[in-house]
Amino acid sequence: MKRRSLIQGAAAAALGTPMLSGFAQQTVTLKFHTFMSPQSNVWLTMHKPWMEKVEKDSGGRIKFEGYPAMQLGGTPVQLYDQARDGVVDIVWTLPGNTAGRFPRIEVFELPFMMNNAEATSKAYWEYVQTQAPDEFKDTQVIALHVHGPGMFHSASKQIRSAADLRGMKVRGPTRQVTRMLGSVGATPVGMPLPQIPDALSKGTIEACVIPWEVVPSVKVHELTKFHSEFAATGPALYTTTFVMAMNKAKYEGLAPDLKKVIDANSGMATSGWLGKTQQGNDPNGRKAAVDRGNTLYTFTPEQTAEFVKLSGPIDDDWVADMDKRGFKGKALLESAKALIAKHKS
């Protein structure tokens, strides 16, 4: 038996086939979990292409099982912890689903900070590396990005000014966005994206703020009749931050060359691509509303200035909150603005 093993080993060496090839050619299957629907632009044009590229770059040694629409259970609020705890391998979610847990990255959700998702996503990545490197310390961060300009979608009436929002129940996605809605006169209602259709149908909310690209996937163009946007040449009402994160132990357990594949599909370039792709889907969402015969309105410069003035204190409140937490709020805000300008130029 011993002699046979030696002969087999010699033959393998002669053929150039390592005896431990099974270890050298490690394959791994990763579970990717998110709340987005399988029909959404995010799933079809961002998540699936990213997974396909990783599979291709790895020579098929990394494979994915994709689970949109919370198919593995839990709620959108629990996604980040699912990645942290190893319930799943990779998630895509909103840090803002857990209010105040990731406070430093909320700077990108402050009112009228951005209008270019690619530049802002790159700024977001660089900001976390330089200003908040421990914000997502419990996971291996793959990408950080934002969506395109957020705006109003209303079932009951056209919103033409801040005054029109008084008393209206308006859905917001995160802590800073709901604060902004309150500052401009609305009655803010925080809820995850998948709950919007039911809430609009039942009248729990009268309007919501989301970017154009996600409108068709949650049928907002069918459940509302009016859409109010800000001029594309100026800053957007708001955006939302996203994180694509991987379980640390799963990442660390990968073969070195497979880690390199994940690394090559992570970081600033991937973050910028996700932001650009998401905003690039805005025209299709807008077209869905136009084709249905809904009414679109663009705020005038004067009306926009009123929104900017009313929401201005939100910045000050966030800076004060950061100061209380032991961070230098003003410096963080200035850094975020400078990085957006840098990556936009």
Protein backbone atom coordinates (compact mmCIF):
# COMPACT_ATOMS: atom_id res chain seq x y z
CA MET A 1 0.00 0.00 0.00
CA LYS A 2 2.80 2.36 0.93
CA ARG A 3 4.70 1.52 -2.29
CA ARG A 4 1.53 2.09 -4.36
CA SER A 5 1.07 5.54 -2.76
CA LEU A 6 4.62 6.46 -3.59
CA ILE A 7 4.16 5.34 -7.19
CA GLN A 8 0.93 7.33 -7.49
CA GLY A 9 2.66 10.37 -6.03
CA ALA A 10 5.51 10.06 -8.51
CA ALA A 11 3.08 9.71 -11.41
CA ALA A 12 1.15 12.77 -10.29
CA ALA A 13 4.37 14.76 -10.09
CA ALA A 14 5.43 13.58 -13.53
CA LEU A 15 2.11 14.71 -14.99
CA GLY A 16 2.40 18.07 -13.28
CA THR A 17 -0.73 17.40 -11.25
CA PRO A 18 -0.42 18.37 -7.58
CA MET A 19 -1.73 15.71 -5.20
CA LEU A 20 -3.54 18.45 -3.26
CA SER A 21 -5.22 19.91 -6.33
CA GLY A 22 -8.58 19.66 -4.61
CA PHE A 23 -7.35 22.12 -2.01
CA ALA A 24 -5.56 24.37 -4.49
CA GLN A 25 -8.72 24.62 -6.57
CA GLN A 26 -11.10 25.42 -3.72
CA THR A 27 -14.65 26.17 -4.81
CA VAL A 28 -17.17 28.03 -2.71
CA THR A 29 -20.87 28.87 -2.92
CA LEU A 30 -21.98 32.19 -1.43
CA LYS A 31 -25.52 33.10 -0.41
CA PHE A 32 -26.47 36.66 -1.43
CA HIS A 33 -29.51 38.08 0.39
CA THR A 34 -31.42 41.34 -0.07
CA PHE A 35 -34.87 42.88 0.25
CA MET A 36 -35.07 44.06 -3.36
CA SER A 37 -37.59 42.26 -5.56
CA PRO A 38 -36.43 39.93 -8.35
CA GLN A 39 -38.06 42.29 -10.88
CA SER A 40 -36.27 45.40 -9.58
CA ASN A 41 -33.64 47.30 -11.54
CA VAL A 42 -31.27 46.93 -8.60
CA TRP A 43 -31.47 43.14 -8.70
CA LEU A 44 -31.40 42.81 -12.49
CA THR A 45 -28.82 45.45 -13.41
CA MET A 46 -26.63 45.64 -10.30
CA HIS A 47 -26.73 42.56 -8.10
CA LYS A 48 -26.94 39.86 -10.78
CA PRO A 49 -24.23 41.38 -13.04
CA TRP A 50 -21.92 41.77 -10.03
CA MET A 51 -22.39 38.13 -9.06
CA GLU A 52 -21.90 37.00 -12.65
CA LYS A 53 -18.66 38.96 -12.93
CA VAL A 54 -17.28 37.46 -9.72
CA GLU A 55 -18.19 33.98 -10.93
CA LYS A 56 -16.48 34.62 -14.27
CA ASP A 57 -13.37 36.22 -12.72
CA SER A 58 -13.00 33.23 -10.41
CA GLY A 59 -13.17 30.75 -13.26
CA GLY A 60 -16.37 29.36 -11.78
CA ARG A 61 -14.78 28.61 -8.42
CA ILE A 62 -17.03 31.15 -6.72
CA LYS A 63 -20.71 30.50 -7.27
CA PHE A 64 -23.70 32.39 -5.95
CA GLU A 65 -27.12 31.51 -4.70
CA GLY A 66 -29.12 34.70 -5.03
CA TYR A 67 -32.06 35.35 -2.73
CA PRO A 68 -33.99 38.57 -3.44
CA ALA A 69 -37.15 39.68 -1.61
CA MET A 70 -35.95 38.36 1.79
CA GLN A 71 -36.38 34.78 0.58
CA LEU A 72 -34.14 33.43 3.34
CA GLY A 73 -36.33 34.98 6.02
CA GLY A 74 -36.09 37.85 8.42
CA THR A 75 -36.80 41.51 7.74
CA PRO A 76 -34.83 44.18 5.84
CA VAL A 77 -33.79 45.64 9.20
CA GLN A 78 -32.00 42.38 10.05
CA LEU A 79 -29.95 42.03 6.86
CA TYR A 80 -26.70 43.58 8.08
CA ASP A 81 -26.69 41.34 11.16
CA GLN A 82 -27.39 38.32 8.97
CA ALA A 83 -24.07 38.99 7.23
CA ARG A 84 -22.30 39.76 10.50
CA ASP A 85 -23.53 36.55 12.12
CA GLY A 86 -22.98 34.29 9.13
CA VAL A 87 -26.66 33.51 8.59
CA VAL A 88 -25.91 34.48 4.97
CA ASP A 89 -22.65 35.32 3.23
CA ILE A 90 -23.30 38.65 1.48
CA VAL A 91 -26.07 41.23 1.88
CA TRP A 92 -27.07 44.46 0.21
CA THR A 93 -29.02 46.78 2.46
CA LEU A 94 -29.58 50.27 3.89
CA PRO A 95 -27.47 51.06 6.95
CA GLY A 96 -30.20 53.56 7.78
CA ASN A 97 -32.68 50.74 8.40
CA THR A 98 -31.26 50.67 11.93
CA ALA A 99 -31.60 54.30 12.98
CA GLY A 100 -28.48 55.80 14.52
CA ARG A 101 -26.39 52.62 14.37
CA PHE A 102 -24.07 53.94 11.64
CA PRO A 103 -24.20 57.66 12.41
CA ARG A 104 -21.17 58.98 10.55
CA ILE A 105 -22.29 57.83 7.11
CA GLU A 106 -25.64 59.63 7.53
CA VAL A 107 -23.85 62.76 6.33
CA PHE A 108 -24.56 61.65 2.75
CA GLU A 109 -28.30 61.52 3.50
CA LEU A 110 -28.50 65.14 4.60
CA PRO A 111 -30.72 67.40 2.45
CA PHE A 112 -29.41 68.79 -0.83
CA MET A 113 -25.97 67.17 -0.61
CA MET A 114 -25.73 65.59 -4.06
CA ASN A 115 -27.12 65.03 -7.54
CA ASN A 116 -24.54 62.65 -9.04
CA ALA A 117 -24.72 59.12 -7.62
CA GLU A 118 -21.44 57.91 -9.15
CA ALA A 119 -19.40 60.79 -7.70
CA THR A 120 -21.19 60.61 -4.35
CA SER A 121 -20.71 56.84 -4.14
CA LYS A 122 -16.97 57.20 -4.70
CA ALA A 123 -16.92 59.97 -2.10
CA TYR A 124 -18.84 57.73 0.31
CA TRP A 125 -16.26 54.95 -0.12
CA GLU A 126 -13.31 57.28 0.41
CA TYR A 127 -15.02 58.97 3.36
CA VAL A 128 -15.48 55.66 5.18
CA GLN A 129 -11.85 54.66 4.57
CA THR A 130 -10.51 57.99 5.84
CA GLN A 131 -13.09 59.31 8.31
CA ALA A 132 -15.01 56.28 9.60
CA PRO A 133 -12.92 53.12 9.04
CA ASP A 134 -14.62 51.27 11.90
CA GLU A 135 -18.21 52.11 10.93
CA PHE A 136 -18.76 48.64 9.41
CA LYS A 137 -16.03 46.80 11.35
CA ASP A 138 -18.21 43.73 11.93
CA THR A 139 -18.22 42.77 8.23
CA GLN A 140 -16.01 42.76 5.15
CA VAL A 141 -17.31 45.73 3.18
CA ILE A 142 -17.51 45.17 -0.56
CA ALA A 143 -19.12 48.39 -1.74
CA LEU A 144 -20.74 51.59 -0.48
CA HIS A 145 -22.99 53.65 -2.71
CA VAL A 146 -26.02 55.92 -3.01
CA HIS A 147 -28.96 56.18 -5.39
CA GLY A 148 -29.91 59.03 -7.71
CA PRO A 149 -31.97 62.06 -6.69
CA GLY A 150 -34.87 61.34 -4.35
CA MET A 151 -38.23 63.08 -4.90
CA PHE A 152 -41.91 63.16 -3.96
CA HIS A 153 -44.60 60.80 -5.25
CA SER A 154 -48.13 61.59 -4.08
CA ALA A 155 -51.46 59.82 -4.34
CA SER A 156 -53.69 62.66 -3.16
CA LYS A 157 -52.43 65.93 -4.61
CA GLN A 158 -49.64 67.61 -6.52
CA ILE A 159 -46.85 68.89 -4.28
CA ARG A 160 -45.76 72.26 -5.65
CA SER A 161 -44.29 73.81 -2.53
CA ALA A 162 -43.33 73.02 1.04
CA ALA A 163 -46.72 74.40 2.10
CA ASP A 164 -48.45 71.57 0.22
CA LEU A 165 -46.75 69.05 2.52
CA ARG A 166 -48.32 70.32 5.73
CA GLY A 167 -50.10 67.48 7.45
CA MET A 168 -49.31 64.98 4.68
CA LYS A 169 -48.16 61.53 5.82
CA VAL A 170 -45.01 60.94 3.78
CA ARG A 171 -42.83 57.82 3.90
CA GLY A 172 -39.10 58.26 4.41
CA PRO A 173 -36.41 55.55 4.34
CA THR A 174 -33.99 56.62 7.08
CA ARG A 175 -33.62 58.72 10.22
CA GLN A 176 -32.14 61.75 8.45
CA VAL A 177 -34.65 61.68 5.61
CA THR A 178 -37.62 61.50 7.98
CA ARG A 179 -36.14 64.43 9.92
CA MET A 180 -35.87 66.34 6.68
CA LEU A 181 -39.51 65.60 5.85
CA GLY A 182 -40.57 66.89 9.23
CA SER A 183 -38.54 70.06 8.73
CA VAL A 184 -40.39 70.92 5.53
CA GLY A 185 -43.82 70.41 7.08
CA ALA A 186 -44.73 66.79 6.33
CA THR A 187 -45.74 64.17 8.87
CA PRO A 188 -42.90 61.69 8.38
CA VAL A 189 -43.50 57.94 8.45
CA GLY A 190 -40.42 55.73 8.46
CA MET A 191 -40.69 52.36 6.76
CA PRO A 192 -38.67 49.98 4.56
CA LEU A 193 -39.23 50.07 0.81
CA PRO A 194 -41.23 46.79 0.51
CA GLN A 195 -43.97 48.21 2.76
CA ILE A 196 -44.72 51.19 0.50
CA PRO A 197 -47.33 49.58 -1.82
CA ASP A 198 -49.49 48.31 1.04
CA ALA A 199 -49.17 51.60 2.93
CA LEU A 200 -50.22 53.64 -0.11
CA SER A 201 -53.11 51.27 -0.87
CA LYS A 202 -54.45 51.50 2.67
CA GLY A 203 -53.87 55.23 3.06
CA THR A 204 -51.37 54.73 5.87
CA ILE A 205 -49.25 57.17 3.87
CA GLU A 206 -50.34 59.72 1.26
CA ALA A 207 -46.96 60.09 -0.41
CA CYS A 208 -43.43 58.75 -0.38
CA VAL A 209 -39.95 59.81 -1.32
CA ILE A 210 -37.95 57.43 -3.52
CA PRO A 211 -35.77 57.83 -6.62
CA TRP A 212 -37.26 57.26 -10.04
CA GLU A 213 -35.48 53.97 -10.70
CA VAL A 214 -37.30 52.02 -7.99
CA VAL A 215 -40.78 53.34 -8.87
CA PRO A 216 -41.85 50.43 -11.16
CA SER A 217 -40.67 47.65 -8.81
CA VAL A 218 -42.98 48.87 -6.02
CA LYS A 219 -45.72 50.04 -8.44
CA VAL A 220 -45.60 53.62 -7.17
CA HIS A 221 -46.50 54.91 -10.65
CA GLU A 222 -49.74 52.91 -10.34
CA LEU A 223 -50.48 53.83 -6.72
CA THR A 224 -49.79 57.57 -7.08
CA LYS A 225 -50.78 60.17 -9.67
CA PHE A 226 -48.41 63.03 -8.95
CA HIS A 227 -44.64 63.32 -8.97
CA SER A 228 -42.61 66.35 -7.90
CA GLU A 229 -38.90 66.56 -8.69
CA PHE A 230 -36.10 69.07 -8.33
CA ALA A 231 -34.18 70.42 -11.32
CA ALA A 232 -31.46 68.02 -12.48
CA THR A 233 -28.97 70.90 -12.61
CA GLY A 234 -29.19 71.50 -8.86
CA PRO A 235 -28.73 69.41 -5.72
CA ALA A 236 -31.23 66.65 -4.99
CA LEU A 237 -33.69 66.62 -2.10
CA TYR A 238 -31.86 63.63 -0.60
CA THR A 239 -30.21 60.29 -1.30
CA THR A 240 -29.88 57.07 0.68
CA THR A 241 -26.74 55.15 1.56
CA PHE A 242 -26.32 51.44 0.84
CA VAL A 243 -23.77 48.85 1.88
CA MET A 244 -22.83 45.54 0.27
CA ALA A 245 -21.18 43.54 3.04
CA MET A 246 -19.75 40.03 3.46
CA ASN A 247 -19.38 37.85 6.51
CA LYS A 248 -15.81 38.33 7.78
CA ALA A 249 -15.12 34.67 8.58
CA LYS A 250 -16.37 33.60 5.15
CA TYR A 251 -14.08 36.13 3.47
CA GLU A 252 -11.08 35.21 5.61
CA GLY A 253 -11.66 31.53 4.87
CA LEU A 254 -11.35 31.96 1.12
CA ALA A 255 -8.28 30.75 -0.75
CA PRO A 256 -5.87 33.67 -1.34
CA ASP A 257 -6.62 33.86 -5.06
CA LEU A 258 -10.38 33.90 -4.41
CA LYS A 259 -9.91 36.70 -1.90
CA LYS A 260 -8.21 38.62 -4.70
CA VAL A 261 -11.25 38.08 -6.91
CA ILE A 262 -13.55 39.52 -4.23
CA ASP A 263 -11.10 42.39 -3.64
CA ALA A 264 -10.96 43.18 -7.36
CA ASN A 265 -14.75 43.47 -7.37
CA SER A 266 -14.87 45.63 -4.24
CA GLY A 267 -13.89 49.18 -3.38
CA MET A 268 -14.24 52.60 -4.94
CA ALA A 269 -14.61 51.51 -8.57
CA THR A 270 -17.33 49.00 -7.71
CA SER A 271 -19.06 51.56 -5.48
CA GLY A 272 -19.02 54.14 -8.27
CA TRP A 273 -20.33 51.61 -10.79
CA LEU A 274 -23.24 50.68 -8.52
CA GLY A 275 -24.18 54.33 -8.00
CA LYS A 276 -23.89 55.14 -11.70
CA THR A 277 -25.93 52.09 -12.69
CA GLN A 278 -28.67 52.83 -10.19
CA GLN A 279 -29.04 56.46 -11.27
CA GLY A 280 -28.84 55.32 -14.89
CA ASN A 281 -32.13 53.49 -14.36
CA ASP A 282 -33.94 56.69 -13.34
CA PRO A 283 -35.16 57.57 -16.88
CA ASN A 284 -36.98 54.23 -17.21
CA GLY A 285 -38.77 54.78 -13.92
CA ARG A 286 -39.73 58.29 -14.95
CA LYS A 287 -40.99 57.02 -18.30
CA ALA A 288 -43.27 54.54 -16.52
CA ALA A 289 -45.03 57.44 -14.79
CA VAL A 290 -45.22 59.50 -17.98
CA ASP A 291 -46.61 56.58 -19.99
CA ARG A 292 -49.33 56.09 -17.39
CA GLY A 293 -50.43 59.71 -17.80
CA ASN A 294 -49.39 60.83 -14.34
CA THR A 295 -48.66 64.48 -13.64
CA LEU A 296 -45.03 65.56 -13.20
CA TYR A 297 -43.91 68.83 -11.70
CA THR A 298 -40.46 70.42 -11.37
CA PHE A 299 -39.93 72.85 -8.49
CA THR A 300 -38.93 76.37 -9.48
CA PRO A 301 -35.63 77.84 -8.21
CA GLU A 302 -37.62 79.90 -5.68
CA GLN A 303 -39.51 76.87 -4.38
CA THR A 304 -36.27 74.90 -4.19
CA ALA A 305 -34.65 77.68 -2.19
CA GLU A 306 -37.51 77.47 0.30
CA PHE A 307 -36.94 73.72 0.75
CA VAL A 308 -33.20 74.31 1.23
CA LYS A 309 -33.86 77.00 3.85
CA LEU A 310 -36.41 74.96 5.80
CA SER A 311 -34.24 71.84 5.86
CA GLY A 312 -31.03 73.70 6.68
CA PRO A 313 -31.20 73.06 10.45
CA ILE A 314 -30.97 69.30 9.80
CA ASP A 315 -27.27 69.76 9.01
CA ASP A 316 -26.73 71.61 12.28
CA ASP A 317 -28.60 68.94 14.22
CA TRP A 318 -26.49 66.19 12.69
CA VAL A 319 -23.25 68.05 13.46
CA ALA A 320 -24.39 68.50 17.08
CA ASP A 321 -25.29 64.81 17.30
CA MET A 322 -21.84 63.81 16.03
CA ASP A 323 -20.19 66.13 18.54
CA LYS A 324 -22.14 64.49 21.37
CA ARG A 325 -20.96 61.07 20.18
CA GLY A 326 -17.35 62.19 20.33
CA PHE A 327 -16.85 62.87 16.62
CA LYS A 328 -16.02 66.19 15.01
CA GLY A 329 -19.28 66.81 13.24
CA LYS A 330 -18.37 69.93 11.29
CA ALA A 331 -15.14 68.35 10.03
CA LEU A 332 -17.04 65.25 8.90
CA LEU A 333 -19.62 67.35 7.04
CA GLU A 334 -16.93 69.42 5.33
CA SER A 335 -15.03 66.27 4.41
CA ALA A 336 -18.10 64.69 2.79
CA LYS A 337 -18.84 67.82 0.76
CA ALA A 338 -15.20 68.14 -0.34
CA LEU A 339 -15.05 64.49 -1.41
CA ILE A 340 -18.26 64.79 -3.45
CA ALA A 341 -16.81 67.83 -5.21
CA LYS A 342 -13.50 66.02 -5.77
CA HIS A 343 -15.08 62.97 -7.40
CA LYS A 344 -17.52 65.05 -9.43
CA SER A 345 -14.75 67.08 -11.04
